Amino acid sequence: MTASNFEIKPLSSQDRNKLKKQYLFAILFLLVASAIFYFIYAFVIKPDNFSTIPIVMFSMFLLFFAGIFSYIFWNTYIDLKRGVKHCYTGIISDKRIDKHTTKSRSYNTGLGTNTRHKSNRTYYYISIDNNEHSVPYSEYAKVSVNDKVYLESSPKSKEVLAFTVLEKHLNSANNITNSLHVIPFKSKSITKPMRQQEIELVKKLVFKKIRKNTIYFLLSAMLLFVLWTGFILFLIPLIIAFIYYAITALIQLNQYTKFKRNGCLKTISKVQVIDKLKTTSNKHSTGFKIKTNNGIINVTALVYNKIQASQYINLHKASIINIMYDVSFDEHI
């Protein structure tokens, strides 16, 4: 891989026009926010009839939105005043999706109502030689790990001014599909008996799933027993959940029985890694996925950091149960 190439260049007239659009966005944001707050203040919050608490909360929200407007406006002003942009040329070493969930609550004293609001925002990042940059989804979706790209961004507001894919990696999904000179890798697989350690690991994974479904089944049964005399429409979701978790637990137990009766066999499949994806969130733990020529699989952080795009890996799955329990790099198939 080539080393990252960083340059500072002057803004073009096209770059300046793109940055000036941020002014328009900030002004529109201010107008919409002002209209909303005026409506709330004029028709919902009446200072003569309420305590000072709603007024204080209203003022805090107003200051918060004013801060957002000032932040956008100031960052754009600094970028235009400096008149430069940062340019990066290098190899994509990682990709990340960040899902951010925020919750808020509003209380209307006059109506006595308590309303909850939930919003979700998704941000997309690529790392160019381990330096992370925020990019629009349209740019994020067209690249894979190990592709060579060129990125221009404003230093302060981090607005992406230009993004170009200079070179697709030889084994990326697009190259395999479009190139006449690259022969797609065909997955290979063999079946072997498991070692005792592997059998114990699979048993633990299977019964963890069975235990989870059994708990949900019992909870559904208890709620049905307690609410059986209630309105039938409210019981329909509980009846569906009761049947679903009962059948799922029985199927998993039956599969494990067949797996034991069949001699505890495993299938080792050799696949090629096409891309890597990390997902972060303020509500859930970080998830790690790798895209192979045979589909997308979840892996641990340790495996994710070891794997490189275009690498060949071996996936170990328990036969019949179809649970992937290990990833190896050194076995030959």
Protein backbone atom coordinates (compact mmCIF):
# COMPACT_ATOMS: atom_id res chain seq x y z
CA MET A 1 0.00 0.00 0.00
CA THR A 2 1.17 3.49 -0.77
CA ALA A 3 1.61 6.06 1.94
CA SER A 4 -1.04 8.73 2.36
CA ASN A 5 -0.42 11.91 0.36
CA PHE A 6 -1.63 15.13 2.04
CA GLU A 7 -1.72 18.54 0.35
CA ILE A 8 -3.13 21.98 1.07
CA LYS A 9 -4.61 23.70 -2.00
CA PRO A 10 -6.48 27.00 -2.55
CA LEU A 11 -10.27 26.88 -2.82
CA SER A 12 -11.64 27.01 -6.35
CA SER A 13 -14.68 29.12 -7.27
CA GLN A 14 -16.72 25.91 -7.35
CA ASP A 15 -15.53 25.05 -3.82
CA ARG A 16 -16.51 28.52 -2.57
CA ASN A 17 -19.99 28.21 -4.07
CA LYS A 18 -20.44 24.85 -2.38
CA LEU A 19 -19.36 26.25 0.99
CA LYS A 20 -21.63 29.31 0.60
CA LYS A 21 -24.56 26.94 0.38
CA GLN A 22 -23.90 26.22 4.06
CA TYR A 23 -24.86 29.84 4.76
CA LEU A 24 -28.20 29.21 3.06
CA PHE A 25 -28.68 26.04 5.10
CA ALA A 26 -27.89 27.91 8.34
CA ILE A 27 -30.33 30.73 7.50
CA LEU A 28 -33.12 28.28 6.57
CA PHE A 29 -32.45 26.35 9.78
CA LEU A 30 -32.70 29.58 11.80
CA LEU A 31 -35.96 30.60 10.10
CA VAL A 32 -37.61 27.20 10.64
CA ALA A 33 -36.44 26.99 14.26
CA SER A 34 -37.64 30.58 14.92
CA ALA A 35 -41.07 29.79 13.46
CA ILE A 36 -41.41 26.66 15.59
CA PHE A 37 -40.37 28.43 18.79
CA TYR A 38 -42.66 31.39 18.07
CA PHE A 39 -45.60 29.02 17.61
CA ILE A 40 -44.80 27.19 20.86
CA TYR A 41 -44.37 30.43 22.79
CA ALA A 42 -47.47 32.09 21.37
CA PHE A 43 -49.94 29.21 21.42
CA VAL A 44 -48.62 26.54 23.83
CA ILE A 45 -46.65 28.34 26.54
CA LYS A 46 -48.45 31.25 28.15
CA PRO A 47 -46.26 32.93 30.77
CA ASP A 48 -49.26 34.24 32.74
CA ASN A 49 -50.63 30.75 33.36
CA PHE A 50 -47.50 28.64 33.87
CA SER A 51 -44.62 28.45 36.26
CA THR A 52 -41.11 29.54 35.30
CA ILE A 53 -39.93 25.96 34.67
CA PRO A 54 -41.41 25.63 31.12
CA ILE A 55 -40.06 29.09 30.27
CA VAL A 56 -36.55 28.08 31.43
CA MET A 57 -36.67 24.83 29.43
CA PHE A 58 -37.95 26.73 26.39
CA SER A 59 -35.06 29.21 26.70
CA MET A 60 -32.52 26.38 26.98
CA PHE A 61 -33.79 24.79 23.76
CA LEU A 62 -33.70 28.18 22.07
CA LEU A 63 -30.06 28.68 23.10
CA PHE A 64 -29.21 25.18 21.90
CA PHE A 65 -30.58 25.82 18.40
CA ALA A 66 -28.96 29.24 18.32
CA GLY A 67 -25.66 27.50 19.12
CA ILE A 68 -26.09 25.12 16.17
CA PHE A 69 -26.77 28.05 13.84
CA SER A 70 -23.70 29.93 15.13
CA TYR A 71 -21.52 26.82 14.81
CA ILE A 72 -22.47 26.24 11.14
CA PHE A 73 -22.17 29.92 10.27
CA TRP A 74 -18.81 30.43 12.00
CA ASN A 75 -17.16 27.29 10.59
CA THR A 76 -18.20 28.22 7.05
CA TYR A 77 -16.95 31.79 7.55
CA ILE A 78 -13.52 30.54 8.76
CA ASP A 79 -13.18 28.14 5.79
CA LEU A 80 -13.99 30.89 3.29
CA LYS A 81 -11.68 33.37 5.02
CA ARG A 82 -8.72 30.97 5.02
CA GLY A 83 -9.39 30.04 1.40
CA VAL A 84 -7.74 26.62 1.52
CA LYS A 85 -8.79 22.97 1.44
CA HIS A 86 -7.19 19.74 2.65
CA CYS A 87 -6.54 17.08 0.00
CA TYR A 88 -5.90 13.43 0.83
CA THR A 89 -4.76 10.66 -1.50
CA GLY A 90 -4.44 7.15 -0.11
CA ILE A 91 -5.77 3.67 0.54
CA ILE A 92 -9.01 3.03 2.43
CA SER A 93 -8.00 1.07 5.53
CA ASP A 94 -11.41 0.87 7.23
CA LYS A 95 -15.09 1.84 6.95
CA ARG A 96 -17.48 2.75 9.77
CA ILE A 97 -21.18 3.50 10.22
CA ASP A 98 -22.21 5.45 13.32
CA LYS A 99 -25.88 5.25 14.36
CA HIS A 100 -26.85 7.90 16.88
CA THR A 101 -30.19 7.83 18.70
CA THR A 102 -31.48 10.76 20.75
CA LYS A 103 -34.56 10.91 22.95
CA SER A 104 -36.38 13.95 24.28
CA ARG A 105 -39.55 14.62 26.24
CA SER A 106 -41.96 17.55 26.15
CA TYR A 107 -44.68 18.28 28.70
CA ASN A 108 -47.78 20.36 28.04
CA THR A 109 -49.04 21.63 31.40
CA GLY A 110 -52.33 22.92 29.98
CA LEU A 111 -53.29 19.60 28.39
CA GLY A 112 -51.49 17.48 30.95
CA THR A 113 -49.76 15.45 28.24
CA ASN A 114 -46.25 14.03 28.26
CA THR A 115 -44.82 13.42 24.78
CA ARG A 116 -41.64 11.49 23.96
CA HIS A 117 -39.63 12.12 20.81
CA LYS A 118 -37.02 9.83 19.27
CA SER A 119 -34.70 10.64 16.39
CA ASN A 120 -32.08 8.57 14.60
CA ARG A 121 -29.08 9.90 12.69
CA THR A 122 -26.61 7.84 10.68
CA TYR A 123 -23.09 9.03 9.83
CA TYR A 124 -20.67 7.39 7.41
CA TYR A 125 -16.88 7.35 7.76
CA ILE A 126 -13.94 6.06 5.76
CA SER A 127 -10.34 5.83 6.97
CA ILE A 128 -7.68 6.84 4.46
CA ASP A 129 -4.49 5.21 5.70
CA ASN A 130 -5.96 5.17 9.25
CA ASN A 131 -7.10 8.84 9.17
CA GLU A 132 -10.90 8.90 9.52
CA HIS A 133 -13.11 11.22 7.43
CA SER A 134 -16.87 11.77 7.41
CA VAL A 135 -18.40 11.34 3.93
CA PRO A 136 -21.91 11.26 2.41
CA TYR A 137 -23.53 7.86 1.95
CA SER A 138 -23.26 8.15 -1.85
CA GLU A 139 -19.44 8.22 -1.57
CA TYR A 140 -19.31 5.65 1.22
CA ALA A 141 -21.33 3.08 -0.75
CA LYS A 142 -19.15 3.05 -3.84
CA VAL A 143 -15.84 2.16 -2.18
CA SER A 144 -14.37 -0.87 -0.45
CA VAL A 145 -11.42 -1.41 1.85
CA ASN A 146 -8.09 -1.25 -0.08
CA ASP A 147 -9.48 1.07 -2.80
CA LYS A 148 -7.32 4.09 -3.59
CA VAL A 149 -9.21 7.40 -3.33
CA TYR A 150 -8.75 11.16 -3.51
CA LEU A 151 -10.65 13.37 -1.02
CA GLU A 152 -10.93 17.14 -0.69
CA SER A 153 -12.49 18.67 2.44
CA SER A 154 -12.72 22.04 4.15
CA PRO A 155 -10.47 22.24 7.25
CA LYS A 156 -13.00 23.68 9.72
CA SER A 157 -16.47 22.47 8.70
CA LYS A 158 -15.18 19.17 7.23
CA GLU A 159 -17.43 19.60 4.19
CA VAL A 160 -16.50 17.11 1.42
CA LEU A 161 -15.69 19.19 -1.66
CA ALA A 162 -14.54 16.40 -3.99
CA PHE A 163 -14.27 12.62 -3.83
CA THR A 164 -12.79 10.41 -6.54
CA VAL A 165 -12.04 6.68 -6.66
CA LEU A 166 -8.60 6.52 -8.27
CA GLU A 167 -8.15 2.77 -8.28
CA LYS A 168 -10.45 -0.09 -7.34
CA HIS A 169 -8.77 -2.93 -5.52
CA LEU A 170 -8.18 -5.93 -7.79
CA ASN A 171 -10.44 -8.23 -5.77
CA SER A 172 -13.23 -5.79 -4.93
CA ALA A 173 -16.82 -6.79 -5.70
CA ASN A 174 -17.10 -4.41 -8.68
CA ASN A 175 -13.88 -5.61 -10.28
CA ILE A 176 -14.87 -9.26 -9.92
CA THR A 177 -18.21 -8.53 -11.54
CA ASN A 178 -17.06 -6.21 -14.34
CA SER A 179 -13.57 -7.35 -15.31
CA LEU A 180 -13.07 -9.93 -18.05
CA HIS A 181 -9.54 -10.70 -16.85
CA VAL A 182 -10.30 -11.54 -13.22
CA ILE A 183 -11.64 -15.02 -12.47
CA PRO A 184 -14.05 -14.92 -9.51
CA PHE A 185 -12.94 -16.99 -6.54
CA LYS A 186 -15.15 -20.03 -5.93
CA SER A 187 -15.63 -21.05 -2.32
CA LYS A 188 -14.39 -24.49 -1.33
CA SER A 189 -15.64 -26.56 1.57
CA ILE A 190 -14.87 -29.82 3.34
CA THR A 191 -16.56 -31.74 6.16
CA LYS A 192 -14.65 -33.02 9.18
CA PRO A 193 -15.44 -34.41 12.63
CA MET A 194 -15.24 -31.85 15.45
CA ARG A 195 -12.78 -31.89 18.29
CA GLN A 196 -14.20 -32.17 21.83
CA GLN A 197 -13.48 -28.48 22.54
CA GLU A 198 -15.46 -27.48 19.45
CA ILE A 199 -18.39 -29.72 20.44
CA GLU A 200 -18.55 -28.05 23.87
CA LEU A 201 -18.41 -24.59 22.31
CA VAL A 202 -21.24 -25.37 19.86
CA LYS A 203 -23.32 -26.90 22.67
CA LYS A 204 -22.92 -23.70 24.69
CA LEU A 205 -23.95 -21.51 21.71
CA VAL A 206 -26.99 -23.67 20.85
CA PHE A 207 -28.33 -23.89 24.39
CA LYS A 208 -27.85 -20.17 24.85
CA LYS A 209 -30.27 -19.63 21.96
CA ILE A 210 -32.68 -22.30 23.23
CA ARG A 211 -32.61 -20.80 26.73
CA LYS A 212 -33.37 -17.32 25.35
CA ASN A 213 -36.35 -18.54 23.30
CA THR A 214 -37.61 -20.63 26.23
CA ILE A 215 -37.58 -17.58 28.52
CA TYR A 216 -39.61 -15.57 25.98
CA PHE A 217 -41.98 -18.52 25.59
CA LEU A 218 -42.55 -18.74 29.35
CA LEU A 219 -43.06 -14.97 29.65
CA SER A 220 -45.65 -15.10 26.86
CA ALA A 221 -47.38 -18.03 28.57
CA MET A 222 -47.51 -16.17 31.92
CA LEU A 223 -48.95 -13.03 30.32
CA LEU A 224 -51.54 -15.08 28.43
CA PHE A 225 -52.57 -16.79 31.67
CA VAL A 226 -52.93 -13.46 33.50
CA LEU A 227 -54.68 -11.59 30.66
CA TRP A 228 -56.76 -14.44 29.22
CA THR A 229 -60.07 -12.85 30.24
CA GLY A 230 -59.11 -9.54 28.57
CA PHE A 231 -60.01 -8.16 25.17
CA ILE A 232 -59.15 -10.75 22.48
CA LEU A 233 -57.42 -8.24 20.13
CA PHE A 234 -54.82 -7.47 22.81
CA LEU A 235 -54.11 -11.19 23.18
CA ILE A 236 -53.38 -11.87 19.49
CA PRO A 237 -49.73 -10.59 19.61
CA LEU A 238 -49.14 -12.66 22.77
CA ILE A 239 -50.58 -15.79 21.13
CA ILE A 240 -48.33 -15.27 18.08
CA ALA A 241 -45.27 -14.76 20.32
CA PHE A 242 -46.20 -17.84 22.39
CA ILE A 243 -46.41 -20.06 19.28
CA TYR A 244 -43.32 -18.55 17.60
CA TYR A 245 -40.94 -18.99 20.55
CA ALA A 246 -42.26 -22.48 21.33
CA ILE A 247 -41.72 -23.67 17.74
CA THR A 248 -38.31 -21.96 17.45
CA ALA A 249 -37.03 -23.58 20.66
CA LEU A 250 -38.28 -27.03 19.55
CA ILE A 251 -36.65 -26.66 16.09
CA GLN A 252 -33.30 -25.68 17.64
CA LEU A 253 -33.45 -28.61 20.06
CA ASN A 254 -34.32 -31.00 17.22
CA GLN A 255 -31.42 -29.67 15.09
CA TYR A 256 -28.97 -30.17 17.94
CA THR A 257 -30.23 -33.76 18.43
CA LYS A 258 -29.66 -34.47 14.71
CA PHE A 259 -26.22 -32.84 14.92
CA LYS A 260 -25.23 -35.20 17.78
CA ARG A 261 -26.73 -38.24 16.03
CA ASN A 262 -24.87 -37.36 12.83
CA GLY A 263 -21.48 -37.53 14.55
CA CYS A 264 -20.86 -33.83 15.41
CA LEU A 265 -19.53 -32.85 12.00
CA LYS A 266 -18.30 -29.41 10.94
CA THR A 267 -18.06 -27.75 7.54
CA ILE A 268 -14.97 -25.66 6.78
CA SER A 269 -15.55 -23.21 3.92
CA LYS A 270 -12.76 -21.21 2.30
CA VAL A 271 -14.00 -17.75 1.25
CA GLN A 272 -12.49 -14.49 0.06
CA VAL A 273 -12.91 -11.24 1.98
CA ILE A 274 -14.25 -8.42 -0.21
CA ASP A 275 -14.92 -5.64 2.31
CA LYS A 276 -14.97 -4.80 6.03
CA LEU A 277 -17.56 -2.81 7.99
CA LYS A 278 -17.62 -1.48 11.55
CA THR A 279 -20.87 -0.21 13.11
CA THR A 280 -20.86 2.01 16.20
CA SER A 281 -23.83 3.33 18.17
CA ASN A 282 -24.63 5.26 21.34
CA LYS A 283 -27.24 2.58 22.20
CA HIS A 284 -25.54 -0.70 21.31
CA SER A 285 -22.07 -2.21 21.42
CA THR A 286 -19.78 -1.94 18.39
CA GLY A 287 -20.52 -4.48 15.66
CA PHE A 288 -17.96 -5.93 13.26
CA LYS A 289 -18.85 -7.45 9.88
CA ILE A 290 -16.90 -8.74 6.92
CA LYS A 291 -18.28 -9.07 3.42
CA THR A 292 -17.13 -12.20 1.61
CA ASN A 293 -17.87 -13.68 -1.81
CA ASN A 294 -20.27 -15.98 0.08
CA GLY A 295 -22.20 -13.33 2.04
CA ILE A 296 -21.84 -11.03 5.08
CA ILE A 297 -20.88 -12.48 8.47
CA ASN A 298 -20.51 -11.08 11.98
CA VAL A 299 -17.10 -11.47 13.63
CA THR A 300 -15.36 -10.44 16.82
CA ALA A 301 -13.17 -7.35 17.10
CA LEU A 302 -10.07 -9.58 17.30
CA VAL A 303 -10.89 -11.37 14.03
CA TYR A 304 -11.94 -8.09 12.35
CA ASN A 305 -8.59 -6.45 13.09
CA LYS A 306 -6.66 -9.48 11.78
CA ILE A 307 -8.53 -9.72 8.49
CA GLN A 308 -7.56 -7.73 5.40
CA ALA A 309 -9.63 -7.20 2.26
CA SER A 310 -8.91 -9.81 -0.48
CA GLN A 311 -7.61 -12.25 2.15
CA TYR A 312 -8.72 -15.89 2.11
CA ILE A 313 -10.20 -17.18 5.36
CA ASN A 314 -11.82 -20.39 6.60
CA LEU A 315 -15.25 -20.33 8.21
CA HIS A 316 -16.03 -23.16 10.63
CA LYS A 317 -19.72 -24.06 10.87
CA ALA A 318 -21.50 -26.83 12.75
CA SER A 319 -23.35 -29.00 10.23
CA ILE A 320 -27.18 -29.16 10.40
CA ILE A 321 -27.25 -26.44 13.09
CA ASN A 322 -25.50 -24.01 10.72
CA ILE A 323 -23.79 -22.01 13.49
CA MET A 324 -20.49 -20.35 12.60
CA TYR A 325 -18.27 -20.66 15.66
CA ASP A 326 -14.73 -19.96 14.41
CA VAL A 327 -12.62 -18.24 11.74
CA SER A 328 -9.15 -19.53 10.87
CA PHE A 329 -6.42 -18.41 8.51
CA ASP A 330 -3.95 -21.27 8.28
CA GLU A 331 -5.93 -24.37 7.24
CA HIS A 332 -5.59 -25.58 3.64
CA ILE A 333 -8.67 -26.90 1.88
